[in-house]
Amino acid sequence: MKTTKLIITATSLVLFCAGAGYVEYILALRLGTGFTLFVSISGLAVLSGTLRNAPEGYEDGSGFHIKPPRRRTARVRHSSTFATRNAS
């Protein structure tokens, strides 16, 4: 049973890749390679933006854990002392 699942999975992966390659070939023939290049760069930009905004985490024996976000410290500005000096 395990061997059958492996063969079916491998066959499906090969057919999917061949189908995607054929569709890209047809698009390149009809629309030119500029369109394919534009779509590829746009996809990479979206993927990199998503990965940049993803939370950090780690995986151990008990599962995947997301680290709590770092809290940003508020910067204290000393403009209040300037306002009190001019108020008097």
N, C-alpha and C. Protein backbone atom coordinates (compact mmCIF):
# COMPACT_ATOMS: atom_id res chain seq x y z
N MET A 1 0.83 -1.19 0.00
CA MET A 1 0.00 0.00 0.00
C MET A 1 0.87 1.25 0.00
N LYS A 2 1.97 1.22 0.77
CA LYS A 2 2.85 2.36 0.84
C LYS A 2 3.52 2.62 -0.51
N THR A 3 3.91 1.55 -1.21
CA THR A 3 4.55 1.70 -2.51
C THR A 3 3.57 2.27 -3.53
N THR A 4 2.32 1.87 -3.45
CA THR A 4 1.30 2.37 -4.37
C THR A 4 1.09 3.88 -4.18
N LYS A 5 1.03 4.31 -2.93
CA LYS A 5 0.87 5.74 -2.66
C LYS A 5 2.06 6.53 -3.19
N LEU A 6 3.26 5.99 -3.03
CA LEU A 6 4.46 6.66 -3.51
C LEU A 6 4.44 6.78 -5.04
N ILE A 7 4.03 5.75 -5.72
CA ILE A 7 3.97 5.78 -7.19
C ILE A 7 2.91 6.77 -7.65
N ILE A 8 1.75 6.76 -7.01
CA ILE A 8 0.68 7.69 -7.38
C ILE A 8 1.12 9.14 -7.13
N THR A 9 1.78 9.38 -6.01
CA THR A 9 2.24 10.73 -5.69
C THR A 9 3.29 11.20 -6.70
N ALA A 10 4.23 10.34 -7.03
CA ALA A 10 5.28 10.71 -7.98
C ALA A 10 4.69 10.97 -9.36
N THR A 11 3.75 10.14 -9.78
CA THR A 11 3.11 10.32 -11.09
C THR A 11 2.32 11.62 -11.13
N SER A 12 1.59 11.91 -10.07
CA SER A 12 0.82 13.15 -10.01
C SER A 12 1.74 14.37 -10.06
N LEU A 13 2.86 14.32 -9.35
CA LEU A 13 3.81 15.42 -9.35
C LEU A 13 4.40 15.64 -10.73
N VAL A 14 4.77 14.56 -11.40
CA VAL A 14 5.32 14.67 -12.76
C VAL A 14 4.29 15.24 -13.72
N LEU A 15 3.05 14.78 -13.64
CA LEU A 15 2.01 15.30 -14.53
C LEU A 15 1.71 16.77 -14.24
N PHE A 16 1.69 17.16 -12.98
CA PHE A 16 1.45 18.55 -12.64
C PHE A 16 2.57 19.44 -13.18
N CYS A 17 3.82 19.03 -12.99
CA CYS A 17 4.95 19.83 -13.50
C CYS A 17 4.94 19.90 -15.02
N ALA A 18 4.62 18.80 -15.67
CA ALA A 18 4.56 18.81 -17.13
C ALA A 18 3.43 19.71 -17.62
N GLY A 19 2.29 19.66 -16.95
CA GLY A 19 1.17 20.52 -17.32
C GLY A 19 1.49 21.99 -17.12
N ALA A 20 2.14 22.32 -16.01
CA ALA A 20 2.52 23.71 -15.75
C ALA A 20 3.55 24.18 -16.77
N GLY A 21 4.48 23.32 -17.12
CA GLY A 21 5.46 23.67 -18.14
C GLY A 21 4.83 23.88 -19.50
N TYR A 22 3.84 23.06 -19.85
CA TYR A 22 3.15 23.21 -21.13
C TYR A 22 2.36 24.51 -21.18
N VAL A 23 1.67 24.83 -20.09
CA VAL A 23 0.90 26.08 -20.05
C VAL A 23 1.84 27.28 -20.16
N GLU A 24 2.98 27.23 -19.49
CA GLU A 24 3.94 28.33 -19.59
C GLU A 24 4.51 28.43 -21.00
N TYR A 25 4.73 27.30 -21.64
CA TYR A 25 5.23 27.30 -23.02
C TYR A 25 4.22 27.95 -23.96
N ILE A 26 2.94 27.62 -23.81
CA ILE A 26 1.90 28.20 -24.66
C ILE A 26 1.78 29.70 -24.41
N LEU A 27 1.83 30.12 -23.13
CA LEU A 27 1.78 31.54 -22.81
C LEU A 27 2.97 32.29 -23.39
N ALA A 28 4.15 31.68 -23.34
CA ALA A 28 5.34 32.32 -23.89
C ALA A 28 5.23 32.45 -25.40
N LEU A 29 4.64 31.45 -26.06
CA LEU A 29 4.48 31.53 -27.51
C LEU A 29 3.48 32.62 -27.90
N ARG A 30 2.39 32.71 -27.17
CA ARG A 30 1.33 33.65 -27.56
C ARG A 30 1.57 35.07 -27.06
N LEU A 31 2.07 35.22 -25.85
CA LEU A 31 2.20 36.55 -25.26
C LEU A 31 3.63 37.06 -25.20
N GLY A 32 4.57 36.23 -25.47
CA GLY A 32 5.98 36.63 -25.39
C GLY A 32 6.57 36.32 -24.04
N THR A 33 7.87 36.36 -23.99
CA THR A 33 8.55 36.00 -22.74
C THR A 33 8.48 37.13 -21.71
N GLY A 34 8.18 38.33 -22.15
CA GLY A 34 8.07 39.45 -21.21
C GLY A 34 6.96 39.23 -20.20
N PHE A 35 5.83 38.69 -20.66
CA PHE A 35 4.71 38.41 -19.76
C PHE A 35 5.10 37.36 -18.74
N THR A 36 5.75 36.31 -19.18
CA THR A 36 6.17 35.25 -18.27
C THR A 36 7.18 35.78 -17.25
N LEU A 37 8.09 36.62 -17.70
CA LEU A 37 9.06 37.22 -16.79
C LEU A 37 8.37 38.12 -15.77
N PHE A 38 7.40 38.91 -16.22
CA PHE A 38 6.65 39.79 -15.31
C PHE A 38 5.89 38.99 -14.26
N VAL A 39 5.22 37.93 -14.68
CA VAL A 39 4.46 37.10 -13.74
C VAL A 39 5.40 36.42 -12.74
N SER A 40 6.54 35.95 -13.21
CA SER A 40 7.50 35.29 -12.31
C SER A 40 8.04 36.25 -11.27
N ILE A 41 8.41 37.45 -11.68
CA ILE A 41 8.94 38.43 -10.73
C ILE A 41 7.86 38.88 -9.76
N SER A 42 6.63 39.05 -10.25
CA SER A 42 5.53 39.44 -9.36
C SER A 42 5.26 38.35 -8.32
N GLY A 43 5.28 37.10 -8.74
CA GLY A 43 5.07 36.00 -7.81
C GLY A 43 6.16 35.92 -6.76
N LEU A 44 7.41 36.13 -7.17
CA LEU A 44 8.50 36.12 -6.20
C LEU A 44 8.39 37.29 -5.23
N ALA A 45 7.94 38.45 -5.71
CA ALA A 45 7.78 39.60 -4.82
C ALA A 45 6.69 39.34 -3.78
N VAL A 46 5.58 38.76 -4.21
CA VAL A 46 4.50 38.45 -3.27
C VAL A 46 4.95 37.41 -2.26
N LEU A 47 5.65 36.40 -2.73
CA LEU A 47 6.13 35.34 -1.84
C LEU A 47 7.14 35.88 -0.83
N SER A 48 8.06 36.72 -1.27
CA SER A 48 9.05 37.27 -0.33
C SER A 48 8.40 38.22 0.67
N GLY A 49 7.40 38.98 0.25
CA GLY A 49 6.69 39.84 1.19
C GLY A 49 5.94 39.05 2.24
N THR A 50 5.34 37.94 1.81
CA THR A 50 4.62 37.09 2.75
C THR A 50 5.58 36.44 3.75
N LEU A 51 6.71 35.97 3.26
CA LEU A 51 7.69 35.36 4.16
C LEU A 51 8.30 36.37 5.11
N ARG A 52 8.44 37.61 4.66
CA ARG A 52 9.00 38.64 5.54
C ARG A 52 8.05 38.97 6.68
N ASN A 53 6.74 38.94 6.43
CA ASN A 53 5.76 39.27 7.45
C ASN A 53 5.32 38.07 8.29
N ALA A 54 5.79 36.90 7.96
CA ALA A 54 5.40 35.70 8.71
C ALA A 54 6.03 35.72 10.10
N PRO A 55 5.32 35.20 11.09
CA PRO A 55 5.89 35.19 12.45
C PRO A 55 7.03 34.19 12.54
N GLU A 56 7.99 34.50 13.41
CA GLU A 56 9.11 33.58 13.64
C GLU A 56 8.65 32.47 14.58
N GLY A 57 9.21 31.32 14.41
CA GLY A 57 8.85 30.20 15.27
C GLY A 57 9.89 29.11 15.21
N TYR A 58 9.63 28.06 15.94
CA TYR A 58 10.51 26.90 15.94
C TYR A 58 9.67 25.65 16.12
N GLU A 59 10.25 24.53 15.74
CA GLU A 59 9.54 23.26 15.85
C GLU A 59 10.38 22.30 16.68
N ASP A 60 9.72 21.64 17.62
CA ASP A 60 10.39 20.63 18.41
C ASP A 60 9.50 19.38 18.44
N GLY A 61 9.75 18.50 19.35
CA GLY A 61 9.01 17.25 19.42
C GLY A 61 7.53 17.42 19.72
N SER A 62 7.16 18.52 20.37
CA SER A 62 5.75 18.70 20.73
C SER A 62 4.98 19.55 19.73
N GLY A 63 5.63 20.00 18.66
CA GLY A 63 4.91 20.74 17.62
C GLY A 63 5.59 22.04 17.26
N PHE A 64 4.87 22.88 16.54
CA PHE A 64 5.39 24.16 16.07
C PHE A 64 4.97 25.25 17.03
N HIS A 65 5.92 26.08 17.45
CA HIS A 65 5.65 27.14 18.41
C HIS A 65 6.02 28.49 17.79
N ILE A 66 5.16 29.47 17.95
CA ILE A 66 5.42 30.80 17.43
C ILE A 66 5.94 31.66 18.57
N LYS A 67 7.07 32.33 18.31
CA LYS A 67 7.66 33.19 19.32
C LYS A 67 6.81 34.44 19.48
N PRO A 68 6.66 34.94 20.71
CA PRO A 68 5.91 36.19 20.89
C PRO A 68 6.67 37.34 20.25
N PRO A 69 5.96 38.31 19.68
CA PRO A 69 6.65 39.42 19.03
C PRO A 69 7.37 40.28 20.05
N ARG A 70 8.46 40.89 19.59
CA ARG A 70 9.21 41.79 20.47
C ARG A 70 8.42 43.08 20.64
N ARG A 71 8.39 43.55 21.86
CA ARG A 71 7.70 44.82 22.11
C ARG A 71 8.68 45.95 21.85
N ARG A 72 8.21 46.92 21.15
CA ARG A 72 9.05 48.07 20.86
C ARG A 72 8.98 49.03 22.04
N THR A 73 10.11 49.53 22.43
CA THR A 73 10.13 50.49 23.53
C THR A 73 9.78 51.87 22.98
N ALA A 74 8.96 52.56 23.72
CA ALA A 74 8.55 53.89 23.30
C ALA A 74 9.67 54.87 23.61
N ARG A 75 9.97 55.70 22.67
CA ARG A 75 11.00 56.71 22.88
C ARG A 75 10.38 57.92 23.57
N VAL A 76 11.00 58.33 24.64
CA VAL A 76 10.50 59.46 25.40
C VAL A 76 11.18 60.72 24.86
N ARG A 77 10.38 61.66 24.46
CA ARG A 77 10.92 62.91 23.97
C ARG A 77 10.88 63.93 25.09
N HIS A 78 11.81 64.80 25.11
CA HIS A 78 11.93 65.78 26.17
C HIS A 78 11.27 67.10 25.80
N SER A 79 10.24 67.03 25.00
CA SER A 79 9.56 68.26 24.59
C SER A 79 8.66 68.79 25.70
N SER A 80 8.28 67.95 26.67
CA SER A 80 7.40 68.41 27.75
C SER A 80 8.12 69.42 28.64
N THR A 81 9.43 69.29 28.84
CA THR A 81 10.16 70.26 29.66
C THR A 81 10.22 71.61 28.95
N PHE A 82 10.32 71.60 27.65
CA PHE A 82 10.33 72.85 26.88
C PHE A 82 8.99 73.55 27.00
N ALA A 83 7.89 72.78 26.98
CA ALA A 83 6.56 73.37 27.06
C ALA A 83 6.31 73.95 28.44
N THR A 84 6.81 73.34 29.52
CA THR A 84 6.59 73.87 30.86
C THR A 84 7.41 75.12 31.11
N ARG A 85 8.58 75.24 30.50
CA ARG A 85 9.39 76.45 30.68
C ARG A 85 8.72 77.66 30.04
N ASN A 86 8.11 77.46 28.88
CA ASN A 86 7.46 78.58 28.19
C ASN A 86 6.10 78.91 28.75
N ALA A 87 5.52 78.01 29.53
CA ALA A 87 4.18 78.23 30.06
C ALA A 87 4.19 79.23 31.20
N SER A 88 5.30 79.35 31.90
CA SER A 88 5.32 80.25 33.06
C SER A 88 5.65 81.67 32.73
